[in-house]
Each structure stands twice: as C-alpha cells, then as structure tokens.
C-alpha cells in the first residue's frame, strides 16, 4: 500500500520560554478586557449554575471561580495564567519527546514557509 502522506515535511514552531510566558500573561489580560468575564457570566446563566465539562477550559474555570465568589479577579487571572503556563510546558515536553528529530523553527523567524 502506498503511504497516505508521501510528500510532506514537518517542523516544530518554537518560542523562547520567557516570551511565551509573557504572551500568555498578555493574552489573558486582553481576554479579560475584551469581555471574557461577561461571556463566562452568560455561559454560567445558560447552564443554571451547573458546570459542564467545557467549564474546565483554561481560563473559563478560573473566571467561573471568580463569578462564584471563590476568589477575586486578580487571583482568578493569576490562576488562569499559571494553569496555561503549565499546559504550555506539557505541550513543549510532548513535542520534545515525540518530535525530537523534527527541525525547529524559531517563532521569531521572518518566514516559516516558502
């Protein structure tokens, strides 16, 4: 049988850990500014206070904790950023272990594809 993908190549887009952590922090701040709290408030109302599995999404779980009075917004933000950093670390580890021989492309490279 002929391989399904015979003419392809893969690469891993890499980014400096400090830059990644800063991006995670900035992105969550932007999400809050763009209405993530109100979106979670509406989500919570739609499920009558129950927490379906989708409520465990990074960021959503922490904002819902804030809306439920378990923490203040600063604590929810910090918890969401930490959870996202941990998830990013697991992803980096997975790529390092599963795709160790794949070429790495620095995120800062001017051009990724021809």
PDB file of N, CA and C in Angstrom:
ATOM      1  N   UNK A   1       0.837  -1.185   0.000  1.00  0.00           N
ATOM      2  CA  UNK A   1       0.000   0.000   0.000  1.00  0.00           C
ATOM      3  C   UNK A   1       0.877   1.241   0.000  1.00  0.00           C
ATOM      4  N   UNK A   2       0.423   2.231  -0.707  1.00  0.00           N
ATOM      5  CA  UNK A   2       1.156   3.492  -0.810  1.00  0.00           C
ATOM      6  C   UNK A   2       0.886   4.347   0.431  1.00  0.00           C
ATOM      7  N   UNK A   3       1.931   4.986   0.962  1.00  0.00           N
ATOM      8  CA  UNK A   3       1.712   5.834   2.138  1.00  0.00           C
ATOM      9  C   UNK A   3       0.715   6.950   1.836  1.00  0.00           C
ATOM     10  N   UNK A   4      -0.093   7.268   2.823  1.00  0.00           N
ATOM     11  CA  UNK A   4      -1.085   8.331   2.661  1.00  0.00           C
ATOM     12  C   UNK A   4      -0.395   9.676   2.471  1.00  0.00           C
ATOM     13  N   UNK A   5       0.602   9.938   3.263  1.00  0.00           N
ATOM     14  CA  UNK A   5       1.348  11.193   3.178  1.00  0.00           C
ATOM     15  C   UNK A   5       2.774  10.887   2.742  1.00  0.00           C
ATOM     16  N   UNK A   6       3.019  10.912   1.446  1.00  0.00           N
ATOM     17  CA  UNK A   6       4.361  10.560   0.986  1.00  0.00           C
ATOM     18  C   UNK A   6       5.257  11.770   0.768  1.00  0.00           C
ATOM     19  N   UNK A   7       4.689  12.911   0.441  1.00  0.00           N
ATOM     20  CA  UNK A   7       5.490  14.107   0.192  1.00  0.00           C
ATOM     21  C   UNK A   7       5.112  15.206   1.176  1.00  0.00           C
ATOM     22  N   UNK A   8       5.647  15.119   2.353  1.00  0.00           N
ATOM     23  CA  UNK A   8       5.363  16.132   3.355  1.00  0.00           C
ATOM     24  C   UNK A   8       6.575  16.284   4.256  1.00  0.00           C
ATOM     25  N   UNK A   9       6.621  17.373   4.922  1.00  0.00           N
ATOM     26  CA  UNK A   9       7.654  17.573   5.927  1.00  0.00           C
ATOM     27  C   UNK A   9       7.037  18.353   7.077  1.00  0.00           C
ATOM     28  N   UNK A  10       7.541  18.105   8.237  1.00  0.00           N
ATOM     29  CA  UNK A  10       7.010  18.772   9.415  1.00  0.00           C
ATOM     30  C   UNK A  10       8.100  19.532  10.132  1.00  0.00           C
ATOM     31  N   UNK A  11       7.682  20.440  10.964  1.00  0.00           N
ATOM     32  CA  UNK A  11       8.608  21.184  11.796  1.00  0.00           C
ATOM     33  C   UNK A  11       7.870  21.636  13.041  1.00  0.00           C
ATOM     34  N   UNK A  12       8.619  21.979  14.045  1.00  0.00           N
ATOM     35  CA  UNK A  12       8.051  22.462  15.296  1.00  0.00           C
ATOM     36  C   UNK A  12       8.354  23.947  15.403  1.00  0.00           C
ATOM     37  N   UNK A  13       7.306  24.738  15.584  1.00  0.00           N
ATOM     38  CA  UNK A  13       7.494  26.169  15.802  1.00  0.00           C
ATOM     39  C   UNK A  13       7.803  26.354  17.279  1.00  0.00           C
ATOM     40  N   UNK A  14       8.964  26.879  17.550  1.00  0.00           N
ATOM     41  CA  UNK A  14       9.427  27.029  18.924  1.00  0.00           C
ATOM     42  C   UNK A  14       9.428  28.505  19.306  1.00  0.00           C
ATOM     43  N   UNK A  15       9.400  28.762  20.590  1.00  0.00           N
ATOM     44  CA  UNK A  15       9.433  30.132  21.100  1.00  0.00           C
ATOM     45  C   UNK A  15      10.160  30.125  22.437  1.00  0.00           C
ATOM     46  N   UNK A  16      10.896  31.160  22.700  1.00  0.00           N
ATOM     47  CA  UNK A  16      11.597  31.298  23.964  1.00  0.00           C
ATOM     48  C   UNK A  16      10.588  31.248  25.117  1.00  0.00           C
ATOM     49  N   UNK A  17      10.933  30.540  26.169  1.00  0.00           N
ATOM     50  CA  UNK A  17      10.016  30.341  27.295  1.00  0.00           C
ATOM     51  C   UNK A  17       9.590  31.669  27.923  1.00  0.00           C
ATOM     52  N   UNK A  18      10.516  32.599  28.084  1.00  0.00           N
ATOM     53  CA  UNK A  18      10.173  33.895  28.686  1.00  0.00           C
ATOM     54  C   UNK A  18       9.189  34.661  27.809  1.00  0.00           C
ATOM     55  N   UNK A  19       9.394  34.611  26.504  1.00  0.00           N
ATOM     56  CA  UNK A  19       8.477  35.279  25.574  1.00  0.00           C
ATOM     57  C   UNK A  19       7.112  34.607  25.630  1.00  0.00           C
ATOM     58  N   UNK A  20       7.105  33.284  25.645  1.00  0.00           N
ATOM     59  CA  UNK A  20       5.845  32.543  25.728  1.00  0.00           C
ATOM     60  C   UNK A  20       5.078  32.914  26.997  1.00  0.00           C
ATOM     61  N   UNK A  21       5.762  32.927  28.128  1.00  0.00           N
ATOM     62  CA  UNK A  21       5.100  33.271  29.386  1.00  0.00           C
ATOM     63  C   UNK A  21       4.534  34.685  29.351  1.00  0.00           C
ATOM     64  N   UNK A  22       5.276  35.611  28.774  1.00  0.00           N
ATOM     65  CA  UNK A  22       4.789  36.981  28.638  1.00  0.00           C
ATOM     66  C   UNK A  22       3.560  37.029  27.728  1.00  0.00           C
ATOM     67  N   UNK A  23       3.607  36.269  26.638  1.00  0.00           N
ATOM     68  CA  UNK A  23       2.463  36.227  25.714  1.00  0.00           C
ATOM     69  C   UNK A  23       1.216  35.660  26.396  1.00  0.00           C
ATOM     70  N   UNK A  24       1.399  34.643  27.216  1.00  0.00           N
ATOM     71  CA  UNK A  24       0.272  34.049  27.942  1.00  0.00           C
ATOM     72  C   UNK A  24      -0.351  35.093  28.864  1.00  0.00           C
ATOM     73  N   UNK A  25       0.492  35.796  29.606  1.00  0.00           N
ATOM     74  CA  UNK A  25       0.014  36.842  30.521  1.00  0.00           C
ATOM     75  C   UNK A  25      -0.735  37.931  29.753  1.00  0.00           C
ATOM     76  N   UNK A  26      -0.148  38.403  28.671  1.00  0.00           N
ATOM     77  CA  UNK A  26      -0.767  39.470  27.869  1.00  0.00           C
ATOM     78  C   UNK A  26      -2.074  39.019  27.248  1.00  0.00           C
ATOM     79  N   UNK A  27      -2.092  37.795  26.758  1.00  0.00           N
ATOM     80  CA  UNK A  27      -3.295  37.284  26.101  1.00  0.00           C
ATOM     81  C   UNK A  27      -4.453  37.180  27.090  1.00  0.00           C
ATOM     82  N   UNK A  28      -4.187  36.712  28.290  1.00  0.00           N
ATOM     83  CA  UNK A  28      -5.280  36.595  29.253  1.00  0.00           C
ATOM     84  C   UNK A  28      -5.789  37.973  29.662  1.00  0.00           C
ATOM     85  N   UNK A  29      -4.876  38.918  29.832  1.00  0.00           N
ATOM     86  CA  UNK A  29      -5.285  40.295  30.147  1.00  0.00           C
ATOM     87  C   UNK A  29      -6.187  40.838  29.044  1.00  0.00           C
ATOM     88  N   UNK A  30      -5.818  40.596  27.798  1.00  0.00           N
ATOM     89  CA  UNK A  30      -6.633  41.042  26.663  1.00  0.00           C
ATOM     90  C   UNK A  30      -7.992  40.354  26.668  1.00  0.00           C
ATOM     91  N   UNK A  31      -8.019  39.070  26.985  1.00  0.00           N
ATOM     92  CA  UNK A  31      -9.295  38.349  27.048  1.00  0.00           C
ATOM     93  C   UNK A  31     -10.224  38.979  28.085  1.00  0.00           C
ATOM     94  N   UNK A  32      -9.678  39.342  29.232  1.00  0.00           N
ATOM     95  CA  UNK A  32     -10.484  39.983  30.276  1.00  0.00           C
ATOM     96  C   UNK A  32     -11.003  41.328  29.766  1.00  0.00           C
ATOM     97  N   UNK A  33     -10.119  42.108  29.164  1.00  0.00           N
ATOM     98  CA  UNK A  33     -10.508  43.420  28.635  1.00  0.00           C
ATOM     99  C   UNK A  33     -11.552  43.307  27.531  1.00  0.00           C
ATOM    100  N   UNK A  34     -11.505  42.223  26.784  1.00  0.00           N
ATOM    101  CA  UNK A  34     -12.427  42.033  25.655  1.00  0.00           C
ATOM    102  C   UNK A  34     -13.744  41.362  26.044  1.00  0.00           C
ATOM    103  N   UNK A  35     -13.963  41.141  27.333  1.00  0.00           N
ATOM    104  CA  UNK A  35     -15.271  40.663  27.754  1.00  0.00           C
ATOM    105  C   UNK A  35     -15.379  39.211  28.175  1.00  0.00           C
ATOM    106  N   UNK A  36     -14.265  38.576  28.508  1.00  0.00           N
ATOM    107  CA  UNK A  36     -14.324  37.166  28.904  1.00  0.00           C
ATOM    108  C   UNK A  36     -15.162  36.952  30.162  1.00  0.00           C
ATOM    109  N   UNK A  37     -15.141  37.918  31.071  1.00  0.00           N
ATOM    110  CA  UNK A  37     -15.924  37.763  32.303  1.00  0.00           C
ATOM    111  C   UNK A  37     -17.415  37.751  31.974  1.00  0.00           C
ATOM    112  N   UNK A  38     -17.844  38.672  31.135  1.00  0.00           N
ATOM    113  CA  UNK A  38     -19.260  38.709  30.755  1.00  0.00           C
ATOM    114  C   UNK A  38     -19.645  37.448  29.974  1.00  0.00           C
ATOM    115  N   UNK A  39     -18.757  36.993  29.115  1.00  0.00           N
ATOM    116  CA  UNK A  39     -19.031  35.767  28.358  1.00  0.00           C
ATOM    117  C   UNK A  39     -19.215  34.581  29.305  1.00  0.00           C
ATOM    118  N   UNK A  40     -18.365  34.482  30.310  1.00  0.00           N
ATOM    119  CA  UNK A  40     -18.494  33.395  31.287  1.00  0.00           C
ATOM    120  C   UNK A  40     -19.751  33.567  32.138  1.00  0.00           C
ATOM    121  N   UNK A  41     -20.115  34.812  32.419  1.00  0.00           N
ATOM    122  CA  UNK A  41     -21.346  35.065  33.176  1.00  0.00           C
ATOM    123  C   UNK A  41     -22.548  34.542  32.384  1.00  0.00           C
ATOM    124  N   UNK A  42     -22.582  34.824  31.089  1.00  0.00           N
ATOM    125  CA  UNK A  42     -23.670  34.344  30.233  1.00  0.00           C
ATOM    126  C   UNK A  42     -23.642  32.820  30.124  1.00  0.00           C
ATOM    127  N   UNK A  43     -22.467  32.263  30.018  1.00  0.00           N
ATOM    128  CA  UNK A  43     -22.299  30.808  29.954  1.00  0.00           C
ATOM    129  C   UNK A  43     -22.864  30.165  31.219  1.00  0.00           C
ATOM    130  N   UNK A  44     -22.495  30.739  32.356  1.00  0.00           N
ATOM    131  CA  UNK A  44     -22.960  30.204  33.640  1.00  0.00           C
ATOM    132  C   UNK A  44     -24.481  30.262  33.735  1.00  0.00           C
ATOM    133  N   UNK A  45     -25.064  31.366  33.272  1.00  0.00           N
ATOM    134  CA  UNK A  45     -26.526  31.510  33.290  1.00  0.00           C
ATOM    135  C   UNK A  45     -27.200  30.474  32.403  1.00  0.00           C
ATOM    136  N   UNK A  46     -26.585  30.180  31.271  1.00  0.00           N
ATOM    137  CA  UNK A  46     -27.166  29.220  30.328  1.00  0.00           C
ATOM    138  C   UNK A  46     -27.235  27.817  30.921  1.00  0.00           C
ATOM    139  N   UNK A  47     -26.351  27.518  31.871  1.00  0.00           N
ATOM    140  CA  UNK A  47     -26.325  26.185  32.469  1.00  0.00           C
ATOM    141  C   UNK A  47     -26.858  26.181  33.897  1.00  0.00           C
ATOM    142  N   UNK A  48     -27.561  27.227  34.272  1.00  0.00           N
ATOM    143  CA  UNK A  48     -28.209  27.316  35.595  1.00  0.00           C
ATOM    144  C   UNK A  48     -27.264  26.992  36.745  1.00  0.00           C
ATOM    145  N   UNK A  49     -26.048  27.491  36.656  1.00  0.00           N
ATOM    146  CA  UNK A  49     -25.099  27.283  37.738  1.00  0.00           C
ATOM    147  C   UNK A  49     -24.355  25.969  37.696  1.00  0.00           C
ATOM    148  N   UNK A  50     -24.769  25.031  36.850  1.00  0.00           N
ATOM    149  CA  UNK A  50     -24.042  23.764  36.729  1.00  0.00           C
ATOM    150  C   UNK A  50     -22.742  24.006  35.971  1.00  0.00           C
ATOM    151  N   UNK A  51     -21.824  23.092  36.114  1.00  0.00           N
ATOM    152  CA  UNK A  51     -20.553  23.210  35.402  1.00  0.00           C
ATOM    153  C   UNK A  51     -20.344  21.990  34.510  1.00  0.00           C
ATOM    154  N   UNK A  52     -20.713  22.116  33.243  1.00  0.00           N
ATOM    155  CA  UNK A  52     -20.459  21.015  32.314  1.00  0.00           C
ATOM    156  C   UNK A  52     -18.953  20.889  32.056  1.00  0.00           C
ATOM    157  N   UNK A  53     -18.514  19.812  31.415  1.00  0.00           N
ATOM    158  CA  UNK A  53     -17.087  19.619  31.163  1.00  0.00           C
ATOM    159  C   UNK A  53     -16.403  20.807  30.479  1.00  0.00           C
ATOM    160  N   UNK A  54     -17.106  21.504  29.613  1.00  0.00           N
ATOM    161  CA  UNK A  54     -16.489  22.637  28.921  1.00  0.00           C
ATOM    162  C   UNK A  54     -16.130  23.773  29.874  1.00  0.00           C
ATOM    163  N   UNK A  55     -16.680  23.770  31.062  1.00  0.00           N
ATOM    164  CA  UNK A  55     -16.368  24.805  32.052  1.00  0.00           C
ATOM    165  C   UNK A  55     -14.973  24.623  32.644  1.00  0.00           C
ATOM    166  N   UNK A  56     -14.321  23.510  32.317  1.00  0.00           N
ATOM    167  CA  UNK A  56     -12.960  23.273  32.803  1.00  0.00           C
ATOM    168  C   UNK A  56     -11.910  23.847  31.866  1.00  0.00           C
ATOM    169  N   UNK A  57     -12.325  24.492  30.796  1.00  0.00           N
ATOM    170  CA  UNK A  57     -11.375  25.069  29.835  1.00  0.00           C
ATOM    171  C   UNK A  57     -10.455  26.064  30.541  1.00  0.00           C
ATOM    172  N   UNK A  58      -9.209  26.119  30.067  1.00  0.00           N
ATOM    173  CA  UNK A  58      -8.258  27.065  30.641  1.00  0.00           C
ATOM    174  C   UNK A  58      -8.835  28.474  30.589  1.00  0.00           C
ATOM    175  N   UNK A  59      -8.793  29.140  31.696  1.00  0.00           N
ATOM    176  CA  UNK A  59      -9.327  30.492  31.779  1.00  0.00           C
ATOM    177  C   UNK A  59     -10.778  30.503  32.210  1.00  0.00           C
ATOM    178  N   UNK A  60     -11.601  29.713  31.578  1.00  0.00           N
ATOM    179  CA  UNK A  60     -13.027  29.687  31.925  1.00  0.00           C
ATOM    180  C   UNK A  60     -13.223  29.205  33.358  1.00  0.00           C
ATOM    181  N   UNK A  61     -12.539  28.157  33.732  1.00  0.00           N
ATOM    182  CA  UNK A  61     -12.693  27.614  35.090  1.00  0.00           C
ATOM    183  C   UNK A  61     -12.342  28.665  36.136  1.00  0.00           C
ATOM    184  N   UNK A  62     -11.280  29.410  35.890  1.00  0.00           N
ATOM    185  CA  UNK A  62     -10.839  30.405  36.850  1.00  0.00           C
ATOM    186  C   UNK A  62     -11.791  31.607  36.893  1.00  0.00           C
ATOM    187  N   UNK A  63     -12.294  32.013  35.740  1.00  0.00           N
ATOM    188  CA  UNK A  63     -13.253  33.121  35.717  1.00  0.00           C
ATOM    189  C   UNK A  63     -14.553  32.698  36.398  1.00  0.00           C
ATOM    190  N   UNK A  64     -14.976  31.472  36.180  1.00  0.00           N
ATOM    191  CA  UNK A  64     -16.181  30.981  36.853  1.00  0.00           C
ATOM    192  C   UNK A  64     -15.983  30.939  38.370  1.00  0.00           C
ATOM    193  N   UNK A  65     -14.782  30.583  38.814  1.00  0.00           N
ATOM    194  CA  UNK A  65     -14.495  30.638  40.253  1.00  0.00           C
ATOM    195  C   UNK A  65     -14.654  32.067  40.769  1.00  0.00           C
ATOM    196  N   UNK A  66     -14.180  33.030  39.999  1.00  0.00           N
ATOM    197  CA  UNK A  66     -14.346  34.443  40.365  1.00  0.00           C
ATOM    198  C   UNK A  66     -15.827  34.808  40.441  1.00  0.00           C
ATOM    199  N   UNK A  67     -16.583  34.426  39.429  1.00  0.00           N
ATOM    200  CA  UNK A  67     -18.011  34.754  39.403  1.00  0.00           C
ATOM    201  C   UNK A  67     -18.778  34.078  40.539  1.00  0.00           C
ATOM    202  N   UNK A  68     -18.284  32.926  40.975  1.00  0.00           N
ATOM    203  CA  UNK A  68     -18.920  32.205  42.082  1.00  0.00           C
ATOM    204  C   UNK A  68     -18.446  32.706  43.449  1.00  0.00           C
ATOM    205  N   UNK A  69     -17.571  33.720  43.456  1.00  0.00           N
ATOM    206  CA  UNK A  69     -17.103  34.305  44.707  1.00  0.00           C
ATOM    207  C   UNK A  69     -16.004  33.539  45.402  1.00  0.00           C
ATOM    208  N   UNK A  70     -15.377  32.609  44.718  1.00  0.00           N
ATOM    209  CA  UNK A  70     -14.311  31.804  45.333  1.00  0.00           C
ATOM    210  C   UNK A  70     -12.981  32.553  45.401  1.00  0.00           C
ATOM    211  N   UNK A  71     -12.851  33.609  44.591  1.00  0.00           N
ATOM    212  CA  UNK A  71     -11.618  34.384  44.549  1.00  0.00           C
ATOM    213  C   UNK A  71     -11.921  35.738  43.914  1.00  0.00           C
ATOM    214  N   UNK A  72     -10.953  36.649  43.990  1.00  0.00           N
ATOM    215  CA  UNK A  72     -11.155  37.914  43.292  1.00  0.00           C
ATOM    216  C   UNK A  72     -10.594  37.786  41.872  1.00  0.00           C
ATOM    217  N   UNK A  73     -10.807  38.819  41.070  1.00  0.00           N
ATOM    218  CA  UNK A  73     -10.408  38.737  39.661  1.00  0.00           C
ATOM    219  C   UNK A  73      -8.895  38.610  39.504  1.00  0.00           C
ATOM    220  N   UNK A  74      -8.135  39.283  40.358  1.00  0.00           N
ATOM    221  CA  UNK A  74      -6.673  39.175  40.283  1.00  0.00           C
ATOM    222  C   UNK A  74      -6.222  37.742  40.565  1.00  0.00           C
ATOM    223  N   UNK A  75      -6.835  37.104  41.547  1.00  0.00           N
ATOM    224  CA  UNK A  75      -6.491  35.713  41.862  1.00  0.00           C
ATOM    225  C   UNK A  75      -6.898  34.779  40.725  1.00  0.00           C
ATOM    226  N   UNK A  76      -8.059  35.025  40.145  1.00  0.00           N
ATOM    227  CA  UNK A  76      -8.515  34.204  39.019  1.00  0.00           C
ATOM    228  C   UNK A  76      -7.571  34.358  37.837  1.00  0.00           C
ATOM    229  N   UNK A  77      -7.140  35.588  37.593  1.00  0.00           N
ATOM    230  CA  UNK A  77      -6.210  35.848  36.492  1.00  0.00           C
ATOM    231  C   UNK A  77      -4.896  35.122  36.724  1.00  0.00           C
ATOM    232  N   UNK A  78      -4.359  35.235  37.928  1.00  0.00           N
ATOM    233  CA  UNK A  78      -3.100  34.563  38.246  1.00  0.00           C
ATOM    234  C   UNK A  78      -3.237  33.048  38.096  1.00  0.00           C
ATOM    235  N   UNK A  79      -4.338  32.493  38.584  1.00  0.00           N
ATOM    236  CA  UNK A  79      -4.558  31.047  38.482  1.00  0.00           C
ATOM    237  C   UNK A  79      -4.676  30.609  37.027  1.00  0.00           C
ATOM    238  N   UNK A  80      -5.350  31.407  36.205  1.00  0.00           N
ATOM    239  CA  UNK A  80      -5.503  31.066  34.786  1.00  0.00           C
ATOM    240  C   UNK A  80      -4.165  31.125  34.064  1.00  0.00           C
ATOM    241  N   UNK A  81      -3.372  32.124  34.368  1.00  0.00           N
ATOM    242  CA  UNK A  81      -2.056  32.256  33.732  1.00  0.00           C
ATOM    243  C   UNK A  81      -1.162  31.087  34.141  1.00  0.00           C
ATOM    244  N   UNK A  82      -1.171  30.729  35.407  1.00  0.00           N
ATOM    245  CA  UNK A  82      -0.364  29.594  35.876  1.00  0.00           C
ATOM    246  C   UNK A  82      -0.822  28.302  35.210  1.00  0.00           C
ATOM    247  N   UNK A  83      -2.122  28.077  35.147  1.00  0.00           N
ATOM    248  CA  UNK A  83      -2.645  26.861  34.513  1.00  0.00           C
ATOM    249  C   UNK A  83      -2.260  26.809  33.036  1.00  0.00           C
ATOM    250  N   UNK A  84      -2.296  27.946  32.374  1.00  0.00           N
ATOM    251  CA  UNK A  84      -1.941  27.987  30.953  1.00  0.00           C
ATOM    252  C   UNK A  84      -0.452  27.746  30.762  1.00  0.00           C
ATOM    253  N   UNK A  85       0.371  28.298  31.635  1.00  0.00           N
ATOM    254  CA  UNK A  85       1.820  28.051  31.557  1.00  0.00           C
ATOM    255  C   UNK A  85       2.128  26.567  31.768  1.00  0.00           C
ATOM    256  N   UNK A  86       1.435  25.952  32.693  1.00  0.00           N
ATOM    257  CA  UNK A  86       1.648  24.518  32.933  1.00  0.00           C
ATOM    258  C   UNK A  86       1.241  23.694  31.712  1.00  0.00           C
ATOM    259  N   UNK A  87       0.140  24.080  31.098  1.00  0.00           N
ATOM    260  CA  UNK A  87      -0.309  23.388  29.888  1.00  0.00           C
ATOM    261  C   UNK A  87       0.720  23.567  28.768  1.00  0.00           C
ATOM    262  N   UNK A  88       1.230  24.776  28.612  1.00  0.00           N
ATOM    263  CA  UNK A  88       2.243  25.041  27.589  1.00  0.00           C
ATOM    264  C   UNK A  88       3.501  24.213  27.856  1.00  0.00           C
ATOM    265  N   UNK A  89       3.863  24.053  29.119  1.00  0.00           N
ATOM    266  CA  UNK A  89       5.031  23.235  29.462  1.00  0.00           C
ATOM    267  C   UNK A  89       4.801  21.784  29.053  1.00  0.00           C
ATOM    268  N   UNK A  90       3.601  21.270  29.307  1.00  0.00           N
ATOM    269  CA  UNK A  90       3.296  19.889  28.895  1.00  0.00           C
ATOM    270  C   UNK A  90       3.380  19.754  27.374  1.00  0.00           C
ATOM    271  N   UNK A  91       2.904  20.767  26.660  1.00  0.00           N
ATOM    272  CA  UNK A  91       2.984  20.719  25.198  1.00  0.00           C
ATOM    273  C   UNK A  91       4.434  20.712  24.739  1.00  0.00           C
ATOM    274  N   UNK A  92       5.260  21.563  25.322  1.00  0.00           N
ATOM    275  CA  UNK A  92       6.676  21.626  24.932  1.00  0.00           C
ATOM    276  C   UNK A  92       7.362  20.287  25.206  1.00  0.00           C
ATOM    277  N   UNK A  93       7.046  19.691  26.350  1.00  0.00           N
ATOM    278  CA  UNK A  93       7.619  18.388  26.691  1.00  0.00           C
ATOM    279  C   UNK A  93       7.170  17.336  25.685  1.00  0.00           C
ATOM    280  N   UNK A  94       5.903  17.358  25.323  1.00  0.00           N
ATOM    281  CA  UNK A  94       5.376  16.400  24.358  1.00  0.00           C
ATOM    282  C   UNK A  94       6.106  16.543  23.024  1.00  0.00           C
ATOM    283  N   UNK A  95       6.254  17.755  22.538  1.00  0.00           N
ATOM    284  CA  UNK A  95       6.961  17.966  21.272  1.00  0.00           C
ATOM    285  C   UNK A  95       8.416  17.527  21.377  1.00  0.00           C
ATOM    286  N   UNK A  96       9.069  17.830  22.499  1.00  0.00           N
ATOM    287  CA  UNK A  96      10.464  17.453  22.670  1.00  0.00           C
ATOM    288  C   UNK A  96      10.620  15.932  22.657  1.00  0.00           C
ATOM    289  N   UNK A  97       9.678  15.214  23.281  1.00  0.00           N
ATOM    290  CA  UNK A  97       9.774  13.757  23.352  1.00  0.00           C
ATOM    291  C   UNK A  97       9.291  13.057  22.092  1.00  0.00           C
ATOM    292  N   UNK A  98       8.239  13.541  21.479  1.00  0.00           N
ATOM    293  CA  UNK A  98       7.631  12.869  20.333  1.00  0.00           C
ATOM    294  C   UNK A  98       8.205  13.304  18.991  1.00  0.00           C
ATOM    295  N   UNK A  99       8.761  14.485  18.950  1.00  0.00           N
ATOM    296  CA  UNK A  99       9.244  15.024  17.683  1.00  0.00           C
ATOM    297  C   UNK A  99      10.672  15.537  17.840  1.00  0.00           C
ATOM    298  N   UNK A 100      11.467  14.758  18.547  1.00  0.00           N
ATOM    299  CA  UNK A 100      12.830  15.170  18.856  1.00  0.00           C
ATOM    300  C   UNK A 100      13.676  15.390  17.612  1.00  0.00           C
ATOM    301  N   UNK A 101      13.393  14.644  16.548  1.00  0.00           N
ATOM    302  CA  UNK A 101      14.203  14.756  15.338  1.00  0.00           C
ATOM    303  C   UNK A 101      13.625  15.747  14.322  1.00  0.00           C
ATOM    304  N   UNK A 102      12.517  16.377  14.650  1.00  0.00           N
ATOM    305  CA  UNK A 102      11.919  17.349  13.732  1.00  0.00           C
ATOM    306  C   UNK A 102      12.705  18.656  13.790  1.00  0.00           C
ATOM    307  N   UNK A 103      12.825  19.335  12.664  1.00  0.00           N
ATOM    308  CA  UNK A 103      13.504  20.634  12.700  1.00  0.00           C
ATOM    309  C   UNK A 103      12.700  21.644  13.520  1.00  0.00           C
ATOM    310  N   UNK A 104      13.428  22.510  14.189  1.00  0.00           N
ATOM    311  CA  UNK A 104      12.810  23.565  14.993  1.00  0.00           C
ATOM    312  C   UNK A 104      12.889  24.877  14.221  1.00  0.00           C
ATOM    313  N   UNK A 105      11.804  25.622  14.268  1.00  0.00           N
ATOM    314  CA  UNK A 105      11.767  26.942  13.650  1.00  0.00           C
ATOM    315  C   UNK A 105      11.467  27.931  14.758  1.00  0.00           C
ATOM    316  N   UNK A 106      12.330  28.898  14.904  1.00  0.00           N
ATOM    317  CA  UNK A 106      12.111  29.919  15.918  1.00  0.00           C
ATOM    318  C   UNK A 106      10.928  30.782  15.522  1.00  0.00           C
ATOM    319  N   UNK A 107      10.032  31.019  16.473  1.00  0.00           N
ATOM    320  CA  UNK A 107       8.842  31.821  16.201  1.00  0.00           C
ATOM    321  C   UNK A 107       9.213  33.190  15.664  1.00  0.00           C
ATOM    322  N   UNK A 108      10.366  33.684  16.018  1.00  0.00           N
ATOM    323  CA  UNK A 108      10.800  34.992  15.567  1.00  0.00           C
ATOM    324  C   UNK A 108      11.350  35.000  14.149  1.00  0.00           C
ATOM    325  N   UNK A 109      11.425  33.830  13.516  1.00  0.00           N
ATOM    326  CA  UNK A 109      11.948  33.772  12.149  1.00  0.00           C
ATOM    327  C   UNK A 109      11.071  34.603  11.216  1.00  0.00           C
ATOM    328  N   UNK A 110      11.698  35.248  10.274  1.00  0.00           N
ATOM    329  CA  UNK A 110      10.971  36.141   9.361  1.00  0.00           C
ATOM    330  C   UNK A 110       9.953  35.397   8.517  1.00  0.00           C
ATOM    331  N   UNK A 111      10.284  34.183   8.137  1.00  0.00           N
ATOM    332  CA  UNK A 111       9.383  33.439   7.260  1.00  0.00           C
ATOM    333  C   UNK A 111       9.429  31.965   7.636  1.00  0.00           C
ATOM    334  N   UNK A 112       8.262  31.362   7.810  1.00  0.00           N
ATOM    335  CA  UNK A 112       8.206  29.952   8.196  1.00  0.00           C
ATOM    336  C   UNK A 112       8.093  29.064   6.972  1.00  0.00           C
ATOM    337  N   UNK A 113       7.238  29.400   6.057  1.00  0.00           N
ATOM    338  CA  UNK A 113       7.025  28.581   4.858  1.00  0.00           C
ATOM    339  C   UNK A 113       7.462  29.355   3.625  1.00  0.00           C
ATOM    340  N   UNK A 114       7.895  28.621   2.583  1.00  0.00           N
ATOM    341  CA  UNK A 114       8.319  29.305   1.346  1.00  0.00           C
ATOM    342  C   UNK A 114       7.161  29.985   0.642  1.00  0.00           C
TER     343      UNK A 114
END
